[in-house]
Amino acid sequence: MATSLYPAGIQLQSKTVLAEVCVHQKSLSLRSLVLSCAFLAVVCTFTSAQQQIDVAFGMNTMTAPSANEANGNHTPQSLTGGAYPSFSADVLFYKNLGIQGEFAWKATRGDWQGIQPDRPMFYDFNAIYAPKLTDRTYMELLAGLGSEATRFYQPTQVCDFNTCKNFVTVNHFMGHFGVGLKVYPTRNFFVRPEAHLYLVNDNQEFSSGRAVRYGLSLGYTFGAR
């Protein structure tokens, strides 16, 4: 049997948020699928002409305005803190230009308003410019679009026409800007300190639509550089 989205007495910022969850999820899931297909199509188009492919895994943390800075329809809940693993990949197909995609998620569940376990996740697709600074050092500049997907967990199952699960995902469209410094201690392995700015649309579950993720990634380059 289907159950309510949240246990009795637990609500988000307002009942409006709950009423719009399904609408947000369906529309943004479709948008995410379109973005993913577009990203894969471009990769396939330029595979034959690519100069190099980079893959990397990183560990990051997050900083954002505090709960006390929440205003308007924002909830006094900050995104600051926690460990965020990340995975990224890019293809440089024209000189130092290419496309890039990445996914970052909170490693452990948070405590939303002291009443609800949650887990923020971020994914985005970007244009990348990676100019060479020295023989072993490259700058990375990113700009693109993506989504913040926050899971809210509950002790009971939530069911739809296809499946049942113990969480509801609230999605928000976002813009993304990033910068990194890719350093090669050996020929193809690299270390990359990096920072990412998220600008999340209508991010009412948290104190602000602005958040910064920063950390360090380890990666490998396939092909000439």
N, C-alpha and C. Protein backbone atom coordinates (compact mmCIF):
# COMPACT_ATOMS: atom_id res chain seq x y z
N MET A 1 0.84 -1.20 0.00
CA MET A 1 0.00 0.00 0.00
C MET A 1 0.87 1.24 0.00
N ALA A 2 0.41 2.29 -0.66
CA ALA A 2 1.15 3.55 -0.65
C ALA A 2 1.00 4.21 0.70
N THR A 3 2.01 4.90 1.14
CA THR A 3 1.97 5.63 2.40
C THR A 3 2.26 7.08 2.13
N SER A 4 2.10 7.93 3.13
CA SER A 4 2.39 9.34 2.99
C SER A 4 3.87 9.55 2.78
N LEU A 5 4.21 10.68 2.19
CA LEU A 5 5.61 10.96 1.88
C LEU A 5 6.45 11.09 3.12
N TYR A 6 5.89 11.61 4.21
CA TYR A 6 6.65 11.83 5.43
C TYR A 6 5.86 11.33 6.63
N PRO A 7 6.52 10.90 7.70
CA PRO A 7 5.83 10.46 8.91
C PRO A 7 4.97 11.56 9.49
N ALA A 8 4.01 11.19 10.30
CA ALA A 8 3.11 12.17 10.90
C ALA A 8 3.88 13.23 11.66
N GLY A 9 3.50 14.46 11.45
CA GLY A 9 4.11 15.56 12.17
C GLY A 9 5.36 16.10 11.53
N ILE A 10 5.84 15.44 10.46
CA ILE A 10 7.06 15.91 9.80
C ILE A 10 6.68 16.56 8.49
N GLN A 11 7.09 17.80 8.32
CA GLN A 11 6.77 18.54 7.10
C GLN A 11 8.02 19.26 6.64
N LEU A 12 8.02 19.68 5.39
CA LEU A 12 9.08 20.54 4.88
C LEU A 12 8.69 21.99 5.19
N GLN A 13 9.28 22.93 4.47
CA GLN A 13 9.02 24.34 4.74
C GLN A 13 7.54 24.64 4.74
N SER A 14 6.78 24.01 3.86
CA SER A 14 5.34 24.22 3.81
C SER A 14 4.70 23.05 3.10
N LYS A 15 3.37 22.97 3.19
CA LYS A 15 2.66 21.90 2.50
C LYS A 15 2.81 22.03 0.99
N THR A 16 3.09 23.24 0.53
CA THR A 16 3.27 23.45 -0.90
C THR A 16 4.43 22.64 -1.42
N VAL A 17 5.50 22.54 -0.63
CA VAL A 17 6.67 21.76 -1.05
C VAL A 17 6.28 20.32 -1.28
N LEU A 18 5.52 19.73 -0.34
CA LEU A 18 5.11 18.34 -0.47
C LEU A 18 4.23 18.15 -1.69
N ALA A 19 3.34 19.09 -1.92
CA ALA A 19 2.41 18.95 -3.04
C ALA A 19 3.13 19.01 -4.37
N GLU A 20 4.29 19.69 -4.41
CA GLU A 20 5.00 19.87 -5.67
C GLU A 20 6.10 18.86 -5.88
N VAL A 21 6.34 17.97 -4.92
CA VAL A 21 7.46 17.02 -5.03
C VAL A 21 7.36 16.20 -6.30
N CYS A 22 6.19 15.61 -6.55
CA CYS A 22 6.03 14.74 -7.72
C CYS A 22 6.21 15.53 -9.02
N VAL A 23 5.67 16.75 -9.05
CA VAL A 23 5.79 17.57 -10.25
C VAL A 23 7.25 17.90 -10.51
N HIS A 24 7.99 18.33 -9.46
CA HIS A 24 9.41 18.63 -9.60
C HIS A 24 10.17 17.40 -10.06
N GLN A 25 9.86 16.26 -9.45
CA GLN A 25 10.63 15.06 -9.75
C GLN A 25 10.42 14.62 -11.19
N LYS A 26 9.19 14.63 -11.67
CA LYS A 26 8.93 14.19 -13.03
C LYS A 26 9.56 15.13 -14.05
N SER A 27 9.38 16.43 -13.89
CA SER A 27 9.89 17.39 -14.85
C SER A 27 11.40 17.42 -14.86
N LEU A 28 12.01 17.38 -13.68
CA LEU A 28 13.46 17.45 -13.62
C LEU A 28 14.11 16.13 -13.96
N SER A 29 13.42 15.01 -13.73
CA SER A 29 13.95 13.73 -14.17
C SER A 29 14.02 13.69 -15.68
N LEU A 30 12.99 14.20 -16.34
CA LEU A 30 12.99 14.27 -17.79
C LEU A 30 14.10 15.18 -18.28
N ARG A 31 14.24 16.33 -17.62
CA ARG A 31 15.30 17.26 -17.99
C ARG A 31 16.67 16.63 -17.80
N SER A 32 16.85 15.88 -16.70
CA SER A 32 18.12 15.21 -16.45
C SER A 32 18.42 14.17 -17.52
N LEU A 33 17.38 13.44 -17.95
CA LEU A 33 17.56 12.44 -19.00
C LEU A 33 17.98 13.10 -20.30
N VAL A 34 17.36 14.23 -20.63
CA VAL A 34 17.72 14.95 -21.85
C VAL A 34 19.17 15.42 -21.79
N LEU A 35 19.57 15.98 -20.63
CA LEU A 35 20.96 16.43 -20.48
C LEU A 35 21.93 15.27 -20.61
N SER A 36 21.60 14.14 -20.00
CA SER A 36 22.48 12.98 -20.06
C SER A 36 22.63 12.48 -21.49
N CYS A 37 21.52 12.40 -22.21
CA CYS A 37 21.56 11.94 -23.60
C CYS A 37 22.36 12.90 -24.47
N ALA A 38 22.18 14.20 -24.23
CA ALA A 38 22.94 15.19 -25.00
C ALA A 38 24.43 15.06 -24.74
N PHE A 39 24.79 14.86 -23.47
CA PHE A 39 26.20 14.69 -23.11
C PHE A 39 26.80 13.48 -23.81
N LEU A 40 26.10 12.34 -23.78
CA LEU A 40 26.59 11.12 -24.41
C LEU A 40 26.67 11.27 -25.92
N ALA A 41 25.71 11.98 -26.51
CA ALA A 41 25.73 12.18 -27.95
C ALA A 41 26.94 12.97 -28.39
N VAL A 42 27.25 14.01 -27.63
CA VAL A 42 28.42 14.83 -27.97
C VAL A 42 29.70 14.03 -27.82
N VAL A 43 29.77 13.21 -26.74
CA VAL A 43 30.96 12.36 -26.55
C VAL A 43 31.14 11.43 -27.73
N CYS A 44 30.07 10.78 -28.17
CA CYS A 44 30.16 9.85 -29.30
C CYS A 44 30.55 10.57 -30.58
N THR A 45 30.04 11.79 -30.76
CA THR A 45 30.33 12.54 -31.97
C THR A 45 31.80 12.86 -32.10
N PHE A 46 32.43 13.18 -30.95
CA PHE A 46 33.81 13.64 -31.01
C PHE A 46 34.83 12.59 -30.58
N THR A 47 34.39 11.36 -30.33
CA THR A 47 35.33 10.34 -29.87
C THR A 47 36.47 10.14 -30.85
N SER A 48 36.14 10.12 -32.15
CA SER A 48 37.18 9.86 -33.15
C SER A 48 38.21 10.97 -33.22
N ALA A 49 37.81 12.19 -32.80
CA ALA A 49 38.73 13.32 -32.90
C ALA A 49 39.31 13.72 -31.56
N GLN A 50 38.98 13.00 -30.49
CA GLN A 50 39.41 13.41 -29.17
C GLN A 50 40.91 13.37 -29.01
N GLN A 51 41.42 14.28 -28.22
CA GLN A 51 42.84 14.34 -27.92
C GLN A 51 43.14 13.58 -26.64
N GLN A 52 42.25 13.70 -25.65
CA GLN A 52 42.48 13.00 -24.40
C GLN A 52 41.19 12.84 -23.61
N ILE A 53 41.18 11.86 -22.72
CA ILE A 53 40.06 11.61 -21.81
C ILE A 53 40.61 11.56 -20.40
N ASP A 54 40.00 12.29 -19.49
CA ASP A 54 40.39 12.29 -18.08
C ASP A 54 39.27 11.68 -17.24
N VAL A 55 39.64 10.84 -16.29
CA VAL A 55 38.69 10.34 -15.29
C VAL A 55 39.30 10.58 -13.92
N ALA A 56 38.47 10.90 -12.94
CA ALA A 56 39.00 11.23 -11.61
C ALA A 56 37.99 10.91 -10.52
N PHE A 57 38.52 10.59 -9.35
CA PHE A 57 37.71 10.40 -8.15
C PHE A 57 38.23 11.36 -7.09
N GLY A 58 37.33 12.04 -6.38
CA GLY A 58 37.76 13.04 -5.41
C GLY A 58 37.04 12.94 -4.08
N MET A 59 37.56 13.70 -3.13
CA MET A 59 36.92 13.85 -1.81
C MET A 59 36.84 15.34 -1.52
N ASN A 60 35.65 15.78 -1.11
CA ASN A 60 35.38 17.21 -0.98
C ASN A 60 34.59 17.49 0.30
N THR A 61 34.41 18.77 0.56
CA THR A 61 33.47 19.20 1.57
C THR A 61 32.67 20.36 1.01
N MET A 62 31.69 20.85 1.75
CA MET A 62 30.77 21.86 1.25
C MET A 62 30.69 23.03 2.22
N THR A 63 30.58 24.23 1.66
CA THR A 63 30.31 25.41 2.48
C THR A 63 29.17 26.19 1.84
N ALA A 64 28.31 26.75 2.68
CA ALA A 64 27.13 27.47 2.21
C ALA A 64 26.71 28.45 3.31
N PRO A 65 25.82 29.41 2.99
CA PRO A 65 25.32 30.31 4.02
C PRO A 65 24.74 29.54 5.21
N SER A 66 24.92 30.09 6.40
CA SER A 66 24.47 29.43 7.62
C SER A 66 22.95 29.42 7.72
N ALA A 67 22.44 28.63 8.66
CA ALA A 67 20.99 28.56 8.88
C ALA A 67 20.44 29.93 9.28
N ASN A 68 21.23 30.72 10.00
CA ASN A 68 20.78 32.04 10.44
C ASN A 68 20.62 33.02 9.29
N GLU A 69 21.24 32.71 8.14
CA GLU A 69 21.17 33.60 6.98
C GLU A 69 19.99 33.28 6.07
N ALA A 70 19.19 32.28 6.40
CA ALA A 70 18.04 31.92 5.57
C ALA A 70 17.04 33.07 5.54
N ASN A 71 16.49 33.34 4.37
CA ASN A 71 15.45 34.36 4.26
C ASN A 71 14.45 33.95 3.19
N GLY A 72 13.36 34.70 3.10
CA GLY A 72 12.33 34.38 2.13
C GLY A 72 11.74 33.00 2.39
N ASN A 73 11.67 32.18 1.35
CA ASN A 73 11.08 30.84 1.50
C ASN A 73 12.13 29.77 1.80
N HIS A 74 13.36 30.19 2.14
CA HIS A 74 14.42 29.22 2.45
C HIS A 74 14.28 28.70 3.89
N THR A 75 14.57 27.41 4.07
CA THR A 75 14.53 26.77 5.38
C THR A 75 15.85 27.01 6.11
N PRO A 76 15.84 27.29 7.41
CA PRO A 76 17.10 27.49 8.16
C PRO A 76 17.86 26.18 8.34
N GLN A 77 18.39 25.67 7.24
CA GLN A 77 19.16 24.43 7.22
C GLN A 77 20.33 24.63 6.25
N SER A 78 21.55 24.64 6.76
CA SER A 78 22.72 24.91 5.92
C SER A 78 23.24 23.63 5.27
N LEU A 79 23.80 23.78 4.08
CA LEU A 79 24.47 22.68 3.38
C LEU A 79 25.92 22.51 3.83
N THR A 80 26.39 23.38 4.69
CA THR A 80 27.80 23.36 5.11
C THR A 80 28.16 22.06 5.82
N GLY A 81 29.37 21.56 5.51
CA GLY A 81 29.92 20.42 6.23
C GLY A 81 29.67 19.08 5.56
N GLY A 82 30.34 18.07 6.10
CA GLY A 82 30.19 16.72 5.58
C GLY A 82 31.21 16.40 4.51
N ALA A 83 31.43 15.12 4.28
CA ALA A 83 32.33 14.64 3.23
C ALA A 83 31.53 14.34 1.97
N TYR A 84 32.03 14.79 0.83
CA TYR A 84 31.37 14.58 -0.45
C TYR A 84 32.31 13.89 -1.42
N PRO A 85 32.20 12.57 -1.60
CA PRO A 85 32.94 11.91 -2.67
C PRO A 85 32.45 12.44 -4.02
N SER A 86 33.30 12.37 -5.04
CA SER A 86 32.90 12.83 -6.37
C SER A 86 33.56 11.99 -7.44
N PHE A 87 32.90 11.91 -8.57
CA PHE A 87 33.45 11.25 -9.75
C PHE A 87 33.27 12.18 -10.93
N SER A 88 34.31 12.31 -11.77
CA SER A 88 34.23 13.20 -12.92
C SER A 88 34.94 12.58 -14.11
N ALA A 89 34.54 13.02 -15.30
CA ALA A 89 35.19 12.59 -16.54
C ALA A 89 35.06 13.71 -17.56
N ASP A 90 36.06 13.85 -18.41
CA ASP A 90 35.99 14.86 -19.46
C ASP A 90 36.67 14.36 -20.73
N VAL A 91 36.28 14.96 -21.84
CA VAL A 91 36.88 14.69 -23.14
C VAL A 91 37.31 16.02 -23.73
N LEU A 92 38.59 16.14 -24.05
CA LEU A 92 39.11 17.33 -24.73
C LEU A 92 39.28 16.97 -26.20
N PHE A 93 38.48 17.60 -27.06
CA PHE A 93 38.47 17.19 -28.46
C PHE A 93 38.92 18.28 -29.43
N TYR A 94 39.05 19.52 -28.96
CA TYR A 94 39.51 20.58 -29.85
C TYR A 94 40.47 21.47 -29.08
N LYS A 95 41.76 21.27 -29.34
CA LYS A 95 42.80 22.00 -28.61
C LYS A 95 42.59 21.78 -27.12
N ASN A 96 42.27 22.82 -26.36
CA ASN A 96 42.07 22.68 -24.92
C ASN A 96 40.60 22.75 -24.52
N LEU A 97 39.71 22.60 -25.49
CA LEU A 97 38.27 22.70 -25.23
C LEU A 97 37.63 21.31 -25.24
N GLY A 98 36.56 21.14 -24.46
CA GLY A 98 35.88 19.86 -24.44
C GLY A 98 34.61 19.91 -23.62
N ILE A 99 34.16 18.73 -23.21
CA ILE A 99 32.97 18.60 -22.39
C ILE A 99 33.31 17.78 -21.16
N GLN A 100 32.55 17.99 -20.09
CA GLN A 100 32.85 17.35 -18.81
C GLN A 100 31.56 17.06 -18.07
N GLY A 101 31.56 16.00 -17.28
CA GLY A 101 30.43 15.68 -16.42
C GLY A 101 30.93 15.20 -15.06
N GLU A 102 30.14 15.46 -14.02
CA GLU A 102 30.57 15.04 -12.68
C GLU A 102 29.37 14.80 -11.78
N PHE A 103 29.62 14.02 -10.73
CA PHE A 103 28.59 13.68 -9.75
C PHE A 103 29.23 13.70 -8.37
N ALA A 104 28.59 14.38 -7.42
CA ALA A 104 29.07 14.43 -6.04
C ALA A 104 27.90 14.17 -5.11
N TRP A 105 28.14 13.45 -4.03
CA TRP A 105 27.08 13.10 -3.10
C TRP A 105 27.60 13.13 -1.67
N LYS A 106 26.73 13.41 -0.72
CA LYS A 106 27.13 13.41 0.68
C LYS A 106 27.31 11.97 1.14
N ALA A 107 28.48 11.70 1.74
CA ALA A 107 28.84 10.32 2.08
C ALA A 107 27.93 9.73 3.16
N THR A 108 27.51 10.55 4.10
CA THR A 108 26.63 10.09 5.18
C THR A 108 25.34 10.90 5.17
N ARG A 109 24.31 10.34 5.75
CA ARG A 109 23.04 11.06 5.82
C ARG A 109 23.14 12.24 6.77
N GLY A 110 22.51 13.34 6.38
CA GLY A 110 22.44 14.49 7.25
C GLY A 110 21.23 14.42 8.16
N ASP A 111 21.01 15.48 8.91
CA ASP A 111 19.89 15.54 9.86
C ASP A 111 19.11 16.81 9.56
N TRP A 112 18.15 16.71 8.66
CA TRP A 112 17.40 17.88 8.20
C TRP A 112 16.45 18.36 9.29
N GLN A 113 16.71 19.55 9.82
CA GLN A 113 15.87 20.18 10.85
C GLN A 113 15.74 19.32 12.11
N GLY A 114 16.66 18.38 12.30
CA GLY A 114 16.63 17.54 13.49
C GLY A 114 15.55 16.47 13.48
N ILE A 115 14.84 16.32 12.37
CA ILE A 115 13.72 15.38 12.33
C ILE A 115 13.74 14.44 11.13
N GLN A 116 14.58 14.72 10.13
CA GLN A 116 14.50 13.95 8.89
C GLN A 116 15.89 13.66 8.34
N PRO A 117 16.27 12.39 8.17
CA PRO A 117 17.55 12.07 7.52
C PRO A 117 17.51 12.51 6.05
N ASP A 118 18.60 13.10 5.58
CA ASP A 118 18.64 13.56 4.19
C ASP A 118 20.03 13.32 3.59
N ARG A 119 20.10 13.36 2.27
CA ARG A 119 21.37 13.21 1.57
C ARG A 119 21.35 14.07 0.30
N PRO A 120 22.05 15.21 0.28
CA PRO A 120 22.15 16.02 -0.94
C PRO A 120 23.10 15.38 -1.95
N MET A 121 22.74 15.48 -3.22
CA MET A 121 23.58 15.00 -4.32
C MET A 121 23.57 16.06 -5.42
N PHE A 122 24.68 16.16 -6.14
CA PHE A 122 24.81 17.17 -7.19
C PHE A 122 25.40 16.52 -8.44
N TYR A 123 24.79 16.79 -9.59
CA TYR A 123 25.41 16.36 -10.84
C TYR A 123 25.26 17.46 -11.88
N ASP A 124 26.24 17.54 -12.77
CA ASP A 124 26.25 18.61 -13.76
C ASP A 124 27.04 18.20 -15.00
N PHE A 125 26.73 18.86 -16.10
CA PHE A 125 27.42 18.68 -17.38
C PHE A 125 27.93 20.04 -17.82
N ASN A 126 29.19 20.09 -18.28
CA ASN A 126 29.85 21.37 -18.47
C ASN A 126 30.64 21.44 -19.76
N ALA A 127 30.88 22.68 -20.20
CA ALA A 127 31.95 22.96 -21.15
C ALA A 127 33.22 23.13 -20.33
N ILE A 128 34.35 22.65 -20.84
CA ILE A 128 35.61 22.74 -20.12
C ILE A 128 36.68 23.37 -21.00
N TYR A 129 37.47 24.24 -20.40
CA TYR A 129 38.64 24.83 -21.05
C TYR A 129 39.83 24.53 -20.16
N ALA A 130 40.85 23.86 -20.72
CA ALA A 130 41.98 23.39 -19.92
C ALA A 130 43.31 23.85 -20.52
N PRO A 131 43.67 25.12 -20.35
CA PRO A 131 44.93 25.62 -20.91
C PRO A 131 46.14 25.05 -20.19
N LYS A 132 47.21 24.86 -20.93
CA LYS A 132 48.47 24.34 -20.38
C LYS A 132 49.25 25.49 -19.75
N LEU A 133 49.67 25.31 -18.50
CA LEU A 133 50.47 26.32 -17.80
C LEU A 133 51.95 25.97 -17.86
N THR A 134 52.29 24.72 -17.57
CA THR A 134 53.65 24.21 -17.69
C THR A 134 53.55 22.79 -18.26
N ASP A 135 54.68 22.12 -18.42
CA ASP A 135 54.66 20.77 -18.97
C ASP A 135 53.83 19.81 -18.13
N ARG A 136 53.72 20.05 -16.83
CA ARG A 136 53.01 19.14 -15.94
C ARG A 136 51.81 19.78 -15.23
N THR A 137 51.44 20.97 -15.65
CA THR A 137 50.37 21.70 -14.95
C THR A 137 49.37 22.28 -15.94
N TYR A 138 48.09 22.05 -15.66
CA TYR A 138 47.01 22.57 -16.50
C TYR A 138 45.94 23.22 -15.62
N MET A 139 45.39 24.30 -16.10
CA MET A 139 44.23 24.93 -15.47
C MET A 139 42.97 24.28 -16.03
N GLU A 140 41.92 24.18 -15.22
CA GLU A 140 40.62 23.72 -15.70
C GLU A 140 39.54 24.74 -15.32
N LEU A 141 38.80 25.20 -16.31
CA LEU A 141 37.69 26.13 -16.10
C LEU A 141 36.42 25.48 -16.62
N LEU A 142 35.37 25.46 -15.79
CA LEU A 142 34.13 24.76 -16.11
C LEU A 142 32.93 25.69 -16.01
N ALA A 143 31.95 25.47 -16.86
CA ALA A 143 30.67 26.18 -16.77
C ALA A 143 29.60 25.29 -17.38
N GLY A 144 28.49 25.12 -16.66
CA GLY A 144 27.45 24.25 -17.20
C GLY A 144 26.18 24.25 -16.37
N LEU A 145 25.36 23.22 -16.58
CA LEU A 145 24.06 23.09 -15.93
C LEU A 145 23.93 21.71 -15.30
N GLY A 146 23.04 21.59 -14.34
CA GLY A 146 22.85 20.30 -13.69
C GLY A 146 21.66 20.33 -12.75
N SER A 147 21.74 19.52 -11.69
CA SER A 147 20.63 19.42 -10.75
C SER A 147 21.14 19.07 -9.36
N GLU A 148 20.49 19.65 -8.36
CA GLU A 148 20.66 19.20 -6.98
C GLU A 148 19.52 18.23 -6.69
N ALA A 149 19.86 17.03 -6.24
CA ALA A 149 18.86 16.01 -5.91
C ALA A 149 19.03 15.63 -4.45
N THR A 150 18.07 15.99 -3.61
CA THR A 150 18.16 15.71 -2.18
C THR A 150 17.18 14.60 -1.81
N ARG A 151 17.73 13.54 -1.22
CA ARG A 151 16.89 12.44 -0.74
C ARG A 151 16.48 12.69 0.70
N PHE A 152 15.18 12.55 0.98
CA PHE A 152 14.66 12.61 2.34
C PHE A 152 14.19 11.21 2.71
N TYR A 153 14.83 10.63 3.73
CA TYR A 153 14.55 9.24 4.11
C TYR A 153 13.46 9.18 5.19
N GLN A 154 12.71 8.08 5.21
CA GLN A 154 11.67 7.88 6.20
C GLN A 154 11.59 6.40 6.54
N PRO A 155 11.00 6.05 7.68
CA PRO A 155 10.96 4.65 8.11
C PRO A 155 9.93 3.80 7.38
N THR A 156 9.04 4.43 6.63
CA THR A 156 8.02 3.68 5.90
C THR A 156 8.27 3.77 4.40
N GLN A 157 7.65 2.90 3.65
CA GLN A 157 7.84 2.85 2.21
C GLN A 157 6.96 3.88 1.49
N VAL A 158 7.52 4.47 0.43
CA VAL A 158 6.77 5.35 -0.46
C VAL A 158 6.60 4.61 -1.78
N CYS A 159 5.37 4.47 -2.24
CA CYS A 159 5.11 3.66 -3.43
C CYS A 159 4.52 4.51 -4.55
N ASP A 160 4.88 4.15 -5.79
CA ASP A 160 4.24 4.73 -6.96
C ASP A 160 3.76 3.58 -7.83
N PHE A 161 3.55 3.83 -9.12
CA PHE A 161 3.03 2.78 -9.99
C PHE A 161 4.05 1.68 -10.25
N ASN A 162 5.34 1.98 -10.06
CA ASN A 162 6.38 1.02 -10.45
C ASN A 162 7.09 0.35 -9.29
N THR A 163 7.33 1.08 -8.21
CA THR A 163 8.17 0.53 -7.15
C THR A 163 7.87 1.19 -5.81
N CYS A 164 8.45 0.64 -4.76
CA CYS A 164 8.37 1.22 -3.42
C CYS A 164 9.78 1.50 -2.92
N LYS A 165 9.95 2.60 -2.20
CA LYS A 165 11.26 2.95 -1.65
C LYS A 165 11.06 3.74 -0.37
N ASN A 166 12.15 3.87 0.40
CA ASN A 166 12.05 4.52 1.71
C ASN A 166 12.57 5.95 1.69
N PHE A 167 12.53 6.59 0.52
CA PHE A 167 12.94 7.99 0.43
C PHE A 167 12.18 8.68 -0.68
N VAL A 168 12.14 10.00 -0.59
CA VAL A 168 11.60 10.86 -1.64
C VAL A 168 12.72 11.79 -2.08
N THR A 169 12.87 11.97 -3.38
CA THR A 169 13.92 12.84 -3.91
C THR A 169 13.31 14.14 -4.40
N VAL A 170 13.84 15.26 -3.90
CA VAL A 170 13.43 16.59 -4.34
C VAL A 170 14.53 17.15 -5.22
N ASN A 171 14.20 17.49 -6.46
CA ASN A 171 15.18 17.97 -7.44
C ASN A 171 15.04 19.46 -7.69
N HIS A 172 16.18 20.11 -7.92
CA HIS A 172 16.19 21.52 -8.31
C HIS A 172 17.23 21.74 -9.40
N PHE A 173 16.83 22.43 -10.45
CA PHE A 173 17.73 22.80 -11.54
C PHE A 173 18.79 23.75 -11.00
N MET A 174 20.01 23.68 -11.54
CA MET A 174 21.08 24.54 -11.04
C MET A 174 22.09 24.89 -12.13
N GLY A 175 22.79 25.99 -11.91
CA GLY A 175 23.95 26.35 -12.71
C GLY A 175 25.21 25.97 -11.96
N HIS A 176 26.30 25.78 -12.70
CA HIS A 176 27.55 25.33 -12.08
C HIS A 176 28.74 26.02 -12.73
N PHE A 177 29.69 26.45 -11.88
CA PHE A 177 30.97 26.98 -12.32
C PHE A 177 32.06 26.30 -11.50
N GLY A 178 33.17 25.95 -12.14
CA GLY A 178 34.24 25.26 -11.43
C GLY A 178 35.61 25.68 -11.91
N VAL A 179 36.59 25.47 -11.04
CA VAL A 179 37.99 25.74 -11.39
C VAL A 179 38.85 24.69 -10.72
N GLY A 180 39.89 24.25 -11.42
CA GLY A 180 40.80 23.26 -10.87
C GLY A 180 42.20 23.46 -11.40
N LEU A 181 43.18 22.93 -10.68
CA LEU A 181 44.58 22.98 -11.11
C LEU A 181 45.08 21.54 -11.18
N LYS A 182 45.25 21.06 -12.41
CA LYS A 182 45.62 19.66 -12.63
C LYS A 182 47.14 19.54 -12.74
N VAL A 183 47.73 18.78 -11.81
CA VAL A 183 49.19 18.63 -11.74
C VAL A 183 49.54 17.16 -11.95
N TYR A 184 50.50 16.90 -12.86
CA TYR A 184 50.94 15.54 -13.17
C TYR A 184 52.26 15.23 -12.48
N PRO A 185 52.25 14.48 -11.36
CA PRO A 185 53.52 14.06 -10.74
C PRO A 185 54.22 12.99 -11.56
N THR A 186 53.43 12.20 -12.33
CA THR A 186 53.97 11.23 -13.28
C THR A 186 53.31 11.48 -14.63
N ARG A 187 53.61 10.67 -15.60
CA ARG A 187 53.19 10.94 -16.97
C ARG A 187 51.68 11.10 -17.14
N ASN A 188 50.89 10.16 -16.64
CA ASN A 188 49.45 10.20 -16.88
C ASN A 188 48.58 10.33 -15.63
N PHE A 189 49.15 10.13 -14.46
CA PHE A 189 48.39 10.31 -13.22
C PHE A 189 48.44 11.77 -12.79
N PHE A 190 47.30 12.29 -12.31
CA PHE A 190 47.29 13.69 -11.90
C PHE A 190 46.60 13.87 -10.55
N VAL A 191 46.94 14.99 -9.92
CA VAL A 191 46.30 15.45 -8.68
C VAL A 191 45.65 16.78 -9.00
N ARG A 192 44.42 16.99 -8.52
CA ARG A 192 43.70 18.21 -8.90
C ARG A 192 42.98 18.84 -7.71
N PRO A 193 43.54 19.88 -7.11
CA PRO A 193 42.74 20.69 -6.16
C PRO A 193 41.69 21.46 -6.97
N GLU A 194 40.49 21.60 -6.41
CA GLU A 194 39.41 22.18 -7.20
C GLU A 194 38.36 22.83 -6.31
N ALA A 195 37.55 23.68 -6.93
CA ALA A 195 36.43 24.34 -6.24
C ALA A 195 35.28 24.48 -7.23
N HIS A 196 34.05 24.35 -6.70
CA HIS A 196 32.86 24.37 -7.55
C HIS A 196 31.78 25.24 -6.90
N LEU A 197 31.19 26.11 -7.69
CA LEU A 197 30.10 26.97 -7.23
C LEU A 197 28.79 26.44 -7.80
N TYR A 198 27.83 26.15 -6.90
CA TYR A 198 26.50 25.73 -7.31
C TYR A 198 25.52 26.88 -7.08
N LEU A 199 24.71 27.17 -8.10
CA LEU A 199 23.65 28.17 -8.00
C LEU A 199 22.33 27.43 -8.25
N VAL A 200 21.64 27.08 -7.15
CA VAL A 200 20.49 26.18 -7.21
C VAL A 200 19.19 26.99 -7.25
N ASN A 201 18.36 26.70 -8.23
CA ASN A 201 17.09 27.40 -8.38
C ASN A 201 16.08 26.95 -7.33
N ASP A 202 15.45 27.92 -6.66
CA ASP A 202 14.34 27.66 -5.72
C ASP A 202 14.71 26.60 -4.68
N ASN A 203 15.88 26.74 -4.10
CA ASN A 203 16.40 25.73 -3.16
C ASN A 203 15.82 25.94 -1.76
N GLN A 204 14.50 25.83 -1.63
CA GLN A 204 13.82 26.21 -0.40
C GLN A 204 14.03 25.23 0.75
N GLU A 205 14.56 24.03 0.47
CA GLU A 205 14.83 23.09 1.56
C GLU A 205 16.05 23.48 2.38
N PHE A 206 16.86 24.41 1.86
CA PHE A 206 18.09 24.83 2.54
C PHE A 206 18.15 26.35 2.64
N SER A 207 19.17 26.83 3.35
CA SER A 207 19.25 28.25 3.70
C SER A 207 19.53 29.17 2.52
N SER A 208 20.03 28.61 1.42
CA SER A 208 20.40 29.44 0.28
C SER A 208 20.46 28.60 -0.99
N GLY A 209 20.38 29.26 -2.13
CA GLY A 209 20.59 28.59 -3.40
C GLY A 209 22.04 28.57 -3.81
N ARG A 210 22.91 29.05 -2.95
CA ARG A 210 24.35 29.13 -3.27
C ARG A 210 25.14 28.19 -2.36
N ALA A 211 26.03 27.41 -2.95
CA ALA A 211 26.89 26.51 -2.17
C ALA A 211 28.20 26.32 -2.92
N VAL A 212 29.27 26.09 -2.19
CA VAL A 212 30.60 25.87 -2.78
C VAL A 212 31.15 24.53 -2.30
N ARG A 213 31.52 23.70 -3.25
CA ARG A 213 32.20 22.43 -2.94
C ARG A 213 33.67 22.56 -3.29
N TYR A 214 34.55 22.13 -2.40
CA TYR A 214 35.98 22.21 -2.70
C TYR A 214 36.68 20.98 -2.13
N GLY A 215 37.75 20.56 -2.81
CA GLY A 215 38.45 19.37 -2.37
C GLY A 215 39.58 19.00 -3.29
N LEU A 216 39.89 17.70 -3.35
CA LEU A 216 41.04 17.19 -4.09
C LEU A 216 40.63 15.92 -4.84
N SER A 217 41.02 15.83 -6.11
CA SER A 217 40.74 14.65 -6.92
C SER A 217 42.03 14.01 -7.40
N LEU A 218 42.00 12.69 -7.54
CA LEU A 218 43.09 11.93 -8.14
C LEU A 218 42.56 11.31 -9.42
N GLY A 219 43.35 11.41 -10.51
CA GLY A 219 42.83 10.93 -11.78
C GLY A 219 43.89 10.41 -12.72
N TYR A 220 43.41 9.99 -13.89
CA TYR A 220 44.28 9.42 -14.91
C TYR A 220 43.86 9.96 -16.27
N THR A 221 44.84 10.27 -17.11
CA THR A 221 44.60 10.77 -18.46
C THR A 221 44.88 9.69 -19.49
N PHE A 222 43.90 9.44 -20.34
CA PHE A 222 44.07 8.51 -21.46
C PHE A 222 44.33 9.32 -22.73
N GLY A 223 45.39 8.99 -23.45
CA GLY A 223 45.72 9.71 -24.67
C GLY A 223 46.79 10.74 -24.44
N ALA A 224 47.17 11.41 -25.52
CA ALA A 224 48.23 12.41 -25.45
C ALA A 224 47.74 13.65 -24.73
N ARG A 225 48.69 14.35 -24.12
CA ARG A 225 48.34 15.61 -23.46
C ARG A 225 49.35 16.69 -23.83
